[in-house]
Amino acid sequence: MTQADECHRGYSAKETGTWQYVLDYFDAVKIGLTVTPAAHTLALFKNKVFSYCTEQAVLDGYLVDYDAVKIKSDVHVNGAFLKEGELVGEIDTETGAEQLDNLEDEREFAASEIEEKITAPDSTKKIIRAFKNILTCMKKNTGGSLKR
């Protein structure tokens, strides 16, 4: 038996080919485990044998119910444009040290690149403040408890 946990992870065409090669390498039953199945998951593992939806897990007491919260962040929707000469910080991923420098050329980052190629600390702080305000209101409305 070959078992793959988190088998829903996204893969590029090359990675899917490698993943398929690894699965096919073993002459065994293939079992993929995921709580968030995707179309490519079924393409690799074929038959879904068990499904357990979020709503049922909440009703059974295994998950807590949730309310979706929409917080608008311009930089996360529109991306970012940095001007020449703007002060930017670069974080060394090994030491965590920040090196400040002036940007030599203007740079544009698509929304999909935010938090992948650059961070937007002001936007992140805005999201955290908005989330805190929502929690404060919920706590106030429930008499100090966030339980439903």
Protein backbone atom coordinates (compact mmCIF):
# COMPACT_ATOMS: atom_id res chain seq x y z
CA MET A 1 0.00 0.00 0.00
CA THR A 2 1.24 3.51 -0.90
CA GLN A 3 -0.25 6.27 1.25
CA ALA A 4 0.03 9.99 0.50
CA ASP A 5 -1.07 12.50 3.12
CA GLU A 6 -2.02 16.06 2.11
CA CYS A 7 -2.49 14.76 -1.45
CA HIS A 8 -4.53 17.83 -2.45
CA ARG A 9 -1.48 20.08 -2.69
CA GLY A 10 -1.25 22.03 -5.95
CA TYR A 11 1.28 20.88 -8.49
CA SER A 12 2.65 22.25 -11.72
CA ALA A 13 2.59 19.95 -14.78
CA LYS A 14 6.21 18.94 -14.11
CA GLU A 15 5.53 18.28 -10.42
CA THR A 16 2.38 16.29 -11.24
CA GLY A 17 4.45 14.14 -13.61
CA THR A 18 7.03 13.51 -10.87
CA TRP A 19 4.29 12.83 -8.33
CA GLN A 20 2.59 10.39 -10.72
CA TYR A 21 5.94 8.65 -11.33
CA VAL A 22 6.48 8.17 -7.58
CA LEU A 23 2.96 6.78 -7.12
CA ASP A 24 3.30 4.46 -10.10
CA TYR A 25 6.77 3.28 -9.03
CA PHE A 26 5.26 1.03 -6.38
CA ASP A 27 3.06 -1.87 -7.47
CA ALA A 28 0.61 -1.25 -4.66
CA VAL A 29 -2.80 0.11 -3.77
CA LYS A 30 -2.60 3.91 -3.67
CA ILE A 31 -4.42 5.80 -0.92
CA GLY A 32 -4.51 9.60 -0.87
CA LEU A 33 -5.62 11.47 2.25
CA THR A 34 -6.88 15.04 2.20
CA VAL A 35 -9.49 17.20 3.85
CA THR A 36 -9.62 19.55 0.88
CA PRO A 37 -9.86 17.47 -2.32
CA ALA A 38 -9.16 19.15 -5.64
CA ALA A 39 -9.78 18.04 -9.23
CA HIS A 40 -6.14 17.01 -9.74
CA THR A 41 -6.39 14.85 -6.59
CA LEU A 42 -9.11 12.73 -8.17
CA ALA A 43 -7.07 12.56 -11.38
CA LEU A 44 -4.19 10.97 -9.44
CA PHE A 45 -6.18 8.75 -7.08
CA LYS A 46 -9.34 8.07 -9.14
CA ASN A 47 -12.03 6.93 -6.69
CA LYS A 48 -13.14 8.84 -3.64
CA VAL A 49 -14.14 6.29 -1.00
CA PHE A 50 -15.09 8.54 1.90
CA SER A 51 -16.27 12.12 2.26
CA TYR A 52 -16.94 14.10 5.42
CA CYS A 53 -18.11 17.68 4.94
CA THR A 54 -17.27 20.64 7.16
CA GLU A 55 -20.91 21.15 8.14
CA GLN A 56 -21.17 17.58 9.43
CA ALA A 57 -17.88 17.87 11.33
CA VAL A 58 -19.26 21.02 13.04
CA LEU A 59 -22.51 19.25 13.90
CA ASP A 60 -20.55 16.26 15.25
CA GLY A 61 -18.43 18.56 17.43
CA TYR A 62 -15.09 17.91 15.69
CA LEU A 63 -14.80 21.43 14.26
CA VAL A 64 -15.98 24.80 15.49
CA ASP A 65 -18.38 26.76 13.35
CA TYR A 66 -17.09 29.94 11.80
CA ASP A 67 -18.26 33.18 10.25
CA ALA A 68 -16.47 34.42 7.15
CA VAL A 69 -15.08 37.91 7.56
CA LYS A 70 -14.29 40.13 4.58
CA ILE A 71 -11.53 42.68 5.16
CA LYS A 72 -10.60 44.89 2.22
CA SER A 73 -6.90 45.55 1.64
CA ASP A 74 -6.00 47.59 -1.43
CA VAL A 75 -2.50 46.14 -1.68
CA HIS A 76 -3.83 42.57 -1.47
CA VAL A 77 -6.40 43.37 -4.20
CA ASN A 78 -4.46 45.74 -6.49
CA GLY A 79 -0.83 44.91 -5.80
CA ALA A 80 1.90 47.42 -4.98
CA PHE A 81 3.96 49.95 -6.90
CA LEU A 82 7.25 51.00 -5.34
CA LYS A 83 8.94 54.18 -6.56
CA GLU A 84 12.62 54.69 -7.28
CA GLY A 85 14.40 55.87 -4.12
CA GLU A 86 11.74 54.46 -1.79
CA LEU A 87 13.18 52.95 1.40
CA VAL A 88 12.65 49.18 1.49
CA GLY A 89 13.77 46.51 3.89
CA GLU A 90 15.14 43.12 2.97
CA ILE A 91 14.98 40.36 5.57
CA ASP A 92 17.75 37.76 5.74
CA THR A 93 15.76 34.52 5.97
CA GLU A 94 18.50 32.78 7.96
CA THR A 95 19.19 35.45 10.60
CA GLY A 96 15.98 37.49 10.51
CA ALA A 97 18.06 40.69 10.27
CA GLU A 98 16.58 43.52 8.23
CA GLN A 99 18.74 45.50 5.81
CA LEU A 100 17.26 48.86 4.74
CA ASP A 101 18.10 50.22 1.32
CA ASN A 102 16.81 52.74 -1.22
CA LEU A 103 15.16 51.15 -4.25
CA GLU A 104 17.25 51.73 -7.39
CA ASP A 105 14.41 51.29 -9.89
CA GLU A 106 10.64 51.40 -9.62
CA ARG A 107 9.03 47.99 -9.14
CA GLU A 108 5.49 46.76 -9.53
CA PHE A 109 4.11 43.70 -7.73
CA ALA A 110 0.83 42.01 -8.64
CA ALA A 111 -1.59 41.19 -5.84
CA SER A 112 -0.64 37.50 -6.16
CA GLU A 113 2.99 38.41 -5.37
CA ILE A 114 2.16 40.16 -2.08
CA GLU A 115 3.35 37.99 0.83
CA GLU A 116 5.17 35.78 -1.68
CA LYS A 117 7.82 38.18 -2.98
CA ILE A 118 7.23 41.16 -0.67
CA THR A 119 5.37 41.86 2.53
CA ALA A 120 3.13 44.82 3.18
CA PRO A 121 3.44 45.46 6.94
CA ASP A 122 0.95 48.37 6.95
CA SER A 123 -1.66 46.25 5.21
CA THR A 124 -1.02 43.32 7.54
CA LYS A 125 -1.43 45.63 10.55
CA LYS A 126 -4.69 46.97 9.07
CA ILE A 127 -6.03 43.42 8.70
CA ILE A 128 -5.03 42.53 12.27
CA ARG A 129 -6.70 45.72 13.62
CA ALA A 130 -9.89 44.97 11.68
CA PHE A 131 -9.90 41.39 12.96
CA LYS A 132 -9.34 42.63 16.53
CA ASN A 133 -12.27 45.06 16.18
CA ILE A 134 -14.52 42.26 14.94
CA LEU A 135 -13.51 40.03 17.87
CA THR A 136 -14.05 42.89 20.33
CA CYS A 137 -17.56 43.47 18.96
CA MET A 138 -18.33 39.75 19.07
CA LYS A 139 -17.10 39.53 22.66
CA LYS A 140 -19.16 42.58 23.63
CA ASN A 141 -22.27 41.15 21.98
CA THR A 142 -21.89 37.79 23.74
CA GLY A 143 -21.26 39.14 27.24
CA GLY A 144 -17.52 38.43 27.23
CA SER A 145 -17.59 34.97 25.71
CA LEU A 146 -16.74 34.15 22.12
CA LYS A 147 -18.62 30.85 22.35
CA ARG A 148 -21.90 30.56 20.50
